[in-house]
Amino acid sequence: MTWSLDIKGIIGPFSALKFSVRPPHTIDYPREKRQAVTGYRGFHVNDLATCVGCGNCQDICMNEAIDMVKALGEINRKNASGLVPRIDYGRCCWCGLCVDVCGPDSLRLEADCIYASPDADSFLYMPKAK
């Protein structure tokens, strides 16, 4: 039986000590605000004045994160189905395919990206009009 000394295995854990003196890369939210990078894909926004409820966003979503649900208010658009998209952010991967296939260009992604809640049902998100 031969025995070999693994120097890298012994010294490796000690090399992590260099990170103990570096400052963290976190911000003091909500006192400090940080701008999202250009092109960041954050929360969905739906322009309800132009959304016709066609369901293209639901059809293209490979994670089944979009359901078409009945609109809460009165829809006064011609040829509108009365349905609007509801996004399940527990399933959404922010790929943006739903935005790309939106015919009337009513669905888009904005840079707002911070959301935290202990309630799992709150991640069923109705895109707000902006």
N, C-alpha and C. Protein backbone atom coordinates (compact mmCIF):
# COMPACT_ATOMS: atom_id res chain seq x y z
N MET A 1 0.84 -1.17 0.00
CA MET A 1 0.00 0.00 0.00
C MET A 1 0.89 1.24 0.00
N THR A 2 0.60 2.13 -0.96
CA THR A 2 1.37 3.37 -1.03
C THR A 2 0.52 4.51 -0.53
N TRP A 3 1.18 5.44 0.07
CA TRP A 3 0.49 6.60 0.62
C TRP A 3 1.07 7.84 -0.04
N SER A 4 0.18 8.71 -0.56
CA SER A 4 0.67 9.94 -1.18
C SER A 4 0.07 11.13 -0.46
N LEU A 5 0.81 12.16 -0.38
CA LEU A 5 0.38 13.37 0.31
C LEU A 5 -0.25 14.32 -0.70
N ASP A 6 -1.48 14.70 -0.45
CA ASP A 6 -2.20 15.61 -1.35
C ASP A 6 -2.05 17.02 -0.81
N ILE A 7 -1.06 17.74 -1.27
CA ILE A 7 -0.77 19.10 -0.80
C ILE A 7 -1.89 20.05 -1.20
N LYS A 8 -2.38 19.91 -2.40
CA LYS A 8 -3.44 20.80 -2.88
C LYS A 8 -4.70 20.64 -2.01
N GLY A 9 -4.99 19.42 -1.61
CA GLY A 9 -6.15 19.18 -0.76
C GLY A 9 -6.01 19.76 0.63
N ILE A 10 -4.78 19.88 1.09
CA ILE A 10 -4.54 20.44 2.42
C ILE A 10 -4.54 21.97 2.37
N ILE A 11 -3.90 22.54 1.36
CA ILE A 11 -3.77 24.00 1.27
C ILE A 11 -5.03 24.65 0.70
N GLY A 12 -5.79 23.93 -0.11
CA GLY A 12 -6.97 24.48 -0.78
C GLY A 12 -7.94 25.21 0.12
N PRO A 13 -8.37 24.63 1.21
CA PRO A 13 -9.32 25.34 2.08
C PRO A 13 -8.76 26.64 2.66
N PHE A 14 -7.45 26.70 2.88
CA PHE A 14 -6.85 27.91 3.43
C PHE A 14 -6.79 29.04 2.39
N SER A 15 -6.82 28.68 1.12
CA SER A 15 -6.79 29.71 0.08
C SER A 15 -8.09 30.52 0.06
N ALA A 16 -9.14 29.99 0.63
CA ALA A 16 -10.40 30.71 0.71
C ALA A 16 -10.35 31.86 1.71
N LEU A 17 -9.36 31.88 2.57
CA LEU A 17 -9.24 32.95 3.57
C LEU A 17 -9.03 34.32 2.93
N LYS A 18 -8.49 34.36 1.71
CA LYS A 18 -8.27 35.65 1.06
C LYS A 18 -9.59 36.37 0.79
N PHE A 19 -10.69 35.63 0.69
CA PHE A 19 -11.99 36.25 0.45
C PHE A 19 -12.59 36.85 1.73
N SER A 20 -12.05 36.51 2.88
CA SER A 20 -12.59 37.03 4.14
C SER A 20 -12.27 38.50 4.35
N VAL A 21 -11.30 39.06 3.65
CA VAL A 21 -10.95 40.46 3.81
C VAL A 21 -11.51 41.34 2.69
N ARG A 22 -12.12 40.76 1.69
CA ARG A 22 -12.70 41.54 0.59
C ARG A 22 -14.10 42.02 0.99
N PRO A 23 -14.48 43.23 0.55
CA PRO A 23 -15.84 43.70 0.84
C PRO A 23 -16.87 42.92 0.00
N PRO A 24 -18.07 42.74 0.50
CA PRO A 24 -19.08 42.00 -0.25
C PRO A 24 -19.60 42.81 -1.44
N HIS A 25 -20.17 42.11 -2.41
CA HIS A 25 -20.73 42.76 -3.60
C HIS A 25 -22.24 42.98 -3.45
N THR A 26 -22.69 43.26 -2.26
CA THR A 26 -24.12 43.45 -2.02
C THR A 26 -24.41 44.94 -1.84
N ILE A 27 -25.69 45.28 -1.95
CA ILE A 27 -26.10 46.65 -1.69
C ILE A 27 -27.08 46.66 -0.53
N ASP A 28 -27.20 47.79 0.12
CA ASP A 28 -28.10 47.92 1.26
C ASP A 28 -29.48 48.31 0.74
N TYR A 29 -30.22 47.31 0.24
CA TYR A 29 -31.55 47.58 -0.30
C TYR A 29 -32.54 47.66 0.86
N PRO A 30 -33.46 48.55 0.93
CA PRO A 30 -33.95 49.50 -0.06
C PRO A 30 -33.33 50.89 0.05
N ARG A 31 -32.38 51.11 0.96
CA ARG A 31 -31.78 52.44 1.07
C ARG A 31 -30.94 52.78 -0.15
N GLU A 32 -30.27 51.82 -0.71
CA GLU A 32 -29.49 52.04 -1.93
C GLU A 32 -30.23 51.44 -3.11
N LYS A 33 -30.32 52.18 -4.17
CA LYS A 33 -30.92 51.67 -5.40
C LYS A 33 -29.82 51.38 -6.39
N ARG A 34 -30.00 50.35 -7.16
CA ARG A 34 -29.01 50.00 -8.18
C ARG A 34 -29.72 49.87 -9.51
N GLN A 35 -29.18 50.50 -10.51
CA GLN A 35 -29.78 50.45 -11.83
C GLN A 35 -29.51 49.09 -12.47
N ALA A 36 -30.51 48.57 -13.16
CA ALA A 36 -30.32 47.33 -13.89
C ALA A 36 -29.49 47.60 -15.14
N VAL A 37 -28.83 46.57 -15.61
CA VAL A 37 -28.03 46.73 -16.82
C VAL A 37 -28.94 46.94 -18.02
N THR A 38 -28.41 47.57 -19.06
CA THR A 38 -29.19 47.81 -20.26
C THR A 38 -29.57 46.47 -20.88
N GLY A 39 -30.81 46.35 -21.26
CA GLY A 39 -31.28 45.11 -21.87
C GLY A 39 -31.71 44.06 -20.87
N TYR A 40 -31.73 44.39 -19.56
CA TYR A 40 -32.15 43.42 -18.56
C TYR A 40 -33.62 43.09 -18.75
N ARG A 41 -33.95 41.86 -18.59
CA ARG A 41 -35.34 41.43 -18.74
C ARG A 41 -35.93 41.22 -17.36
N GLY A 42 -36.73 42.18 -16.91
CA GLY A 42 -37.33 42.13 -15.58
C GLY A 42 -38.78 41.68 -15.64
N PHE A 43 -39.66 42.42 -14.96
CA PHE A 43 -41.06 42.04 -14.89
C PHE A 43 -41.80 42.33 -16.19
N HIS A 44 -42.86 41.58 -16.41
CA HIS A 44 -43.69 41.77 -17.59
C HIS A 44 -44.63 42.97 -17.39
N VAL A 45 -44.84 43.70 -18.45
CA VAL A 45 -45.77 44.83 -18.47
C VAL A 45 -46.68 44.61 -19.67
N ASN A 46 -47.98 44.76 -19.45
CA ASN A 46 -48.94 44.54 -20.53
C ASN A 46 -49.73 45.83 -20.74
N ASP A 47 -49.72 46.33 -21.97
CA ASP A 47 -50.51 47.50 -22.33
C ASP A 47 -51.93 47.01 -22.62
N LEU A 48 -52.81 47.17 -21.64
CA LEU A 48 -54.16 46.62 -21.76
C LEU A 48 -54.99 47.33 -22.82
N ALA A 49 -54.55 48.51 -23.23
CA ALA A 49 -55.28 49.23 -24.28
C ALA A 49 -55.08 48.59 -25.64
N THR A 50 -54.00 47.82 -25.81
CA THR A 50 -53.76 47.19 -27.11
C THR A 50 -53.80 45.67 -27.07
N CYS A 51 -53.78 45.05 -25.89
CA CYS A 51 -53.81 43.59 -25.78
C CYS A 51 -55.17 43.06 -26.23
N VAL A 52 -55.16 42.11 -27.16
CA VAL A 52 -56.40 41.54 -27.66
C VAL A 52 -56.68 40.17 -27.07
N GLY A 53 -55.78 39.65 -26.25
CA GLY A 53 -56.00 38.35 -25.62
C GLY A 53 -55.90 37.20 -26.59
N CYS A 54 -55.00 37.29 -27.57
CA CYS A 54 -54.90 36.27 -28.61
C CYS A 54 -54.33 34.95 -28.09
N GLY A 55 -53.50 35.00 -27.05
CA GLY A 55 -52.93 33.78 -26.48
C GLY A 55 -51.63 33.33 -27.12
N ASN A 56 -51.06 34.14 -28.02
CA ASN A 56 -49.77 33.76 -28.62
C ASN A 56 -48.70 33.60 -27.55
N CYS A 57 -48.72 34.46 -26.53
CA CYS A 57 -47.73 34.38 -25.46
C CYS A 57 -47.86 33.06 -24.70
N GLN A 58 -49.08 32.62 -24.48
CA GLN A 58 -49.31 31.36 -23.78
C GLN A 58 -48.86 30.19 -24.65
N ASP A 59 -49.12 30.24 -25.94
CA ASP A 59 -48.76 29.15 -26.84
C ASP A 59 -47.25 28.97 -26.96
N ILE A 60 -46.50 30.06 -26.97
CA ILE A 60 -45.05 29.99 -27.19
C ILE A 60 -44.28 29.64 -25.92
N CYS A 61 -44.87 29.84 -24.76
CA CYS A 61 -44.16 29.64 -23.49
C CYS A 61 -43.87 28.16 -23.27
N MET A 62 -42.58 27.81 -23.32
CA MET A 62 -42.19 26.41 -23.17
C MET A 62 -42.24 25.92 -21.73
N ASN A 63 -42.33 26.84 -20.76
CA ASN A 63 -42.40 26.46 -19.35
C ASN A 63 -43.83 26.45 -18.82
N GLU A 64 -44.78 26.74 -19.67
CA GLU A 64 -46.19 26.83 -19.28
C GLU A 64 -46.37 27.81 -18.12
N ALA A 65 -45.68 28.95 -18.22
CA ALA A 65 -45.72 29.96 -17.17
C ALA A 65 -46.80 31.00 -17.41
N ILE A 66 -47.48 30.95 -18.55
CA ILE A 66 -48.49 31.96 -18.89
C ILE A 66 -49.85 31.29 -19.04
N ASP A 67 -50.82 31.81 -18.32
CA ASP A 67 -52.22 31.39 -18.45
C ASP A 67 -53.00 32.59 -18.93
N MET A 68 -53.98 32.36 -19.74
CA MET A 68 -54.88 33.43 -20.15
C MET A 68 -56.08 33.39 -19.20
N VAL A 69 -56.30 34.48 -18.49
CA VAL A 69 -57.39 34.55 -17.52
C VAL A 69 -58.33 35.68 -17.89
N LYS A 70 -59.54 35.61 -17.38
CA LYS A 70 -60.53 36.65 -17.67
C LYS A 70 -60.07 37.98 -17.10
N ALA A 71 -60.21 39.02 -17.89
CA ALA A 71 -59.83 40.37 -17.47
C ALA A 71 -60.73 40.82 -16.33
N LEU A 72 -60.16 41.54 -15.39
CA LEU A 72 -60.92 41.98 -14.22
C LEU A 72 -61.86 43.13 -14.55
N GLY A 73 -61.50 43.96 -15.50
CA GLY A 73 -62.34 45.10 -15.86
C GLY A 73 -63.03 44.88 -17.19
N GLU A 74 -63.72 45.91 -17.63
CA GLU A 74 -64.42 45.87 -18.92
C GLU A 74 -63.41 46.07 -20.04
N ILE A 75 -63.50 45.25 -21.07
CA ILE A 75 -62.64 45.37 -22.23
C ILE A 75 -63.46 46.04 -23.33
N ASN A 76 -63.01 47.20 -23.78
CA ASN A 76 -63.75 47.97 -24.78
C ASN A 76 -63.07 47.93 -26.15
N ARG A 77 -62.21 46.95 -26.39
CA ARG A 77 -61.53 46.87 -27.66
C ARG A 77 -62.29 45.96 -28.61
N LYS A 78 -62.29 46.33 -29.87
CA LYS A 78 -62.94 45.52 -30.89
C LYS A 78 -62.11 44.25 -31.11
N ASN A 79 -62.75 43.13 -31.26
CA ASN A 79 -62.13 41.82 -31.49
C ASN A 79 -61.31 41.31 -30.31
N ALA A 80 -61.49 41.86 -29.13
CA ALA A 80 -60.77 41.38 -27.95
C ALA A 80 -61.49 40.16 -27.38
N SER A 81 -60.70 39.19 -26.90
CA SER A 81 -61.28 37.96 -26.37
C SER A 81 -61.75 38.11 -24.93
N GLY A 82 -61.33 39.16 -24.23
CA GLY A 82 -61.69 39.34 -22.83
C GLY A 82 -60.71 38.66 -21.89
N LEU A 83 -59.64 38.08 -22.45
CA LEU A 83 -58.63 37.40 -21.66
C LEU A 83 -57.34 38.21 -21.65
N VAL A 84 -56.60 38.09 -20.55
CA VAL A 84 -55.30 38.75 -20.43
C VAL A 84 -54.30 37.72 -19.88
N PRO A 85 -52.99 37.90 -20.16
CA PRO A 85 -52.00 36.93 -19.66
C PRO A 85 -51.73 37.10 -18.17
N ARG A 86 -51.54 35.97 -17.49
CA ARG A 86 -51.10 35.94 -16.10
C ARG A 86 -49.82 35.13 -16.07
N ILE A 87 -48.76 35.69 -15.51
CA ILE A 87 -47.44 35.06 -15.52
C ILE A 87 -47.17 34.40 -14.18
N ASP A 88 -46.71 33.15 -14.22
CA ASP A 88 -46.28 32.43 -13.02
C ASP A 88 -44.76 32.57 -12.94
N TYR A 89 -44.27 33.50 -12.08
CA TYR A 89 -42.84 33.75 -12.00
C TYR A 89 -42.08 32.60 -11.33
N GLY A 90 -42.77 31.64 -10.79
CA GLY A 90 -42.11 30.44 -10.31
C GLY A 90 -41.67 29.56 -11.45
N ARG A 91 -42.29 29.71 -12.61
CA ARG A 91 -41.94 28.91 -13.79
C ARG A 91 -41.21 29.72 -14.86
N CYS A 92 -41.39 31.03 -14.87
CA CYS A 92 -40.85 31.89 -15.93
C CYS A 92 -39.33 31.89 -15.91
N CYS A 93 -38.72 31.78 -17.09
CA CYS A 93 -37.26 31.82 -17.19
C CYS A 93 -36.79 33.11 -17.85
N TRP A 94 -37.68 34.05 -18.08
CA TRP A 94 -37.37 35.37 -18.64
C TRP A 94 -36.66 35.27 -19.99
N CYS A 95 -37.10 34.32 -20.80
CA CYS A 95 -36.48 34.17 -22.12
C CYS A 95 -36.95 35.25 -23.08
N GLY A 96 -38.14 35.80 -22.87
CA GLY A 96 -38.65 36.88 -23.71
C GLY A 96 -39.36 36.42 -24.96
N LEU A 97 -39.59 35.12 -25.12
CA LEU A 97 -40.30 34.66 -26.31
C LEU A 97 -41.72 35.21 -26.37
N CYS A 98 -42.36 35.35 -25.22
CA CYS A 98 -43.72 35.88 -25.18
C CYS A 98 -43.77 37.30 -25.71
N VAL A 99 -42.74 38.08 -25.41
CA VAL A 99 -42.66 39.46 -25.88
C VAL A 99 -42.42 39.48 -27.39
N ASP A 100 -41.57 38.56 -27.86
CA ASP A 100 -41.23 38.52 -29.28
C ASP A 100 -42.42 38.16 -30.16
N VAL A 101 -43.34 37.31 -29.67
CA VAL A 101 -44.46 36.86 -30.51
C VAL A 101 -45.72 37.68 -30.29
N CYS A 102 -45.68 38.67 -29.41
CA CYS A 102 -46.87 39.48 -29.14
C CYS A 102 -47.20 40.32 -30.37
N GLY A 103 -48.31 39.99 -31.02
CA GLY A 103 -48.71 40.66 -32.25
C GLY A 103 -48.93 42.15 -32.10
N PRO A 104 -49.76 42.56 -31.16
CA PRO A 104 -49.99 44.00 -31.00
C PRO A 104 -48.90 44.73 -30.21
N ASP A 105 -47.81 44.06 -29.86
CA ASP A 105 -46.72 44.65 -29.07
C ASP A 105 -47.20 45.23 -27.75
N SER A 106 -48.14 44.56 -27.12
CA SER A 106 -48.64 45.06 -25.84
C SER A 106 -47.86 44.49 -24.66
N LEU A 107 -47.20 43.36 -24.83
CA LEU A 107 -46.46 42.73 -23.75
C LEU A 107 -44.97 43.06 -23.91
N ARG A 108 -44.35 43.51 -22.81
CA ARG A 108 -42.92 43.81 -22.84
C ARG A 108 -42.33 43.53 -21.46
N LEU A 109 -41.01 43.56 -21.38
CA LEU A 109 -40.31 43.35 -20.13
C LEU A 109 -39.64 44.65 -19.72
N GLU A 110 -39.77 45.04 -18.46
CA GLU A 110 -39.15 46.27 -17.98
C GLU A 110 -37.98 45.92 -17.08
N ALA A 111 -37.25 46.91 -16.64
CA ALA A 111 -36.04 46.70 -15.86
C ALA A 111 -36.30 46.50 -14.37
N ASP A 112 -37.53 46.64 -13.90
CA ASP A 112 -37.83 46.42 -12.49
C ASP A 112 -37.64 44.95 -12.18
N CYS A 113 -36.76 44.64 -11.24
CA CYS A 113 -36.38 43.24 -11.07
C CYS A 113 -36.41 42.73 -9.63
N ILE A 114 -36.74 43.55 -8.65
CA ILE A 114 -36.68 43.10 -7.26
C ILE A 114 -38.09 42.79 -6.77
N TYR A 115 -38.29 41.54 -6.36
CA TYR A 115 -39.58 41.12 -5.83
C TYR A 115 -39.33 40.01 -4.82
N ALA A 116 -39.84 40.17 -3.64
CA ALA A 116 -39.70 39.15 -2.62
C ALA A 116 -41.02 39.04 -1.85
N SER A 117 -41.44 37.81 -1.61
CA SER A 117 -42.66 37.59 -0.86
C SER A 117 -42.66 36.20 -0.26
N PRO A 118 -43.13 36.05 0.97
CA PRO A 118 -43.22 34.70 1.55
C PRO A 118 -44.45 33.94 1.03
N ASP A 119 -45.36 34.63 0.36
CA ASP A 119 -46.59 34.02 -0.13
C ASP A 119 -46.37 33.48 -1.54
N ALA A 120 -46.42 32.16 -1.71
CA ALA A 120 -46.16 31.55 -3.02
C ALA A 120 -47.20 31.95 -4.06
N ASP A 121 -48.44 32.23 -3.65
CA ASP A 121 -49.47 32.61 -4.60
C ASP A 121 -49.24 34.00 -5.19
N SER A 122 -48.43 34.81 -4.54
CA SER A 122 -48.18 36.15 -5.06
C SER A 122 -47.28 36.14 -6.29
N PHE A 123 -46.69 35.01 -6.62
CA PHE A 123 -45.85 34.92 -7.82
C PHE A 123 -46.68 34.67 -9.07
N LEU A 124 -47.98 34.49 -8.92
CA LEU A 124 -48.89 34.50 -10.06
C LEU A 124 -49.18 35.96 -10.33
N TYR A 125 -48.54 36.52 -11.32
CA TYR A 125 -48.44 37.96 -11.50
C TYR A 125 -49.27 38.41 -12.68
N MET A 126 -50.15 39.36 -12.45
CA MET A 126 -50.88 39.98 -13.54
C MET A 126 -50.07 41.18 -14.01
N PRO A 127 -49.57 41.17 -15.25
CA PRO A 127 -48.78 42.31 -15.71
C PRO A 127 -49.57 43.60 -15.62
N LYS A 128 -48.94 44.59 -15.02
CA LYS A 128 -49.59 45.90 -14.84
C LYS A 128 -49.46 46.73 -16.10
N ALA A 129 -50.42 47.57 -16.33
CA ALA A 129 -50.37 48.49 -17.47
C ALA A 129 -49.47 49.65 -17.12
N LYS A 130 -48.67 50.07 -18.07
CA LYS A 130 -47.79 51.23 -17.88
C LYS A 130 -47.89 52.13 -19.05
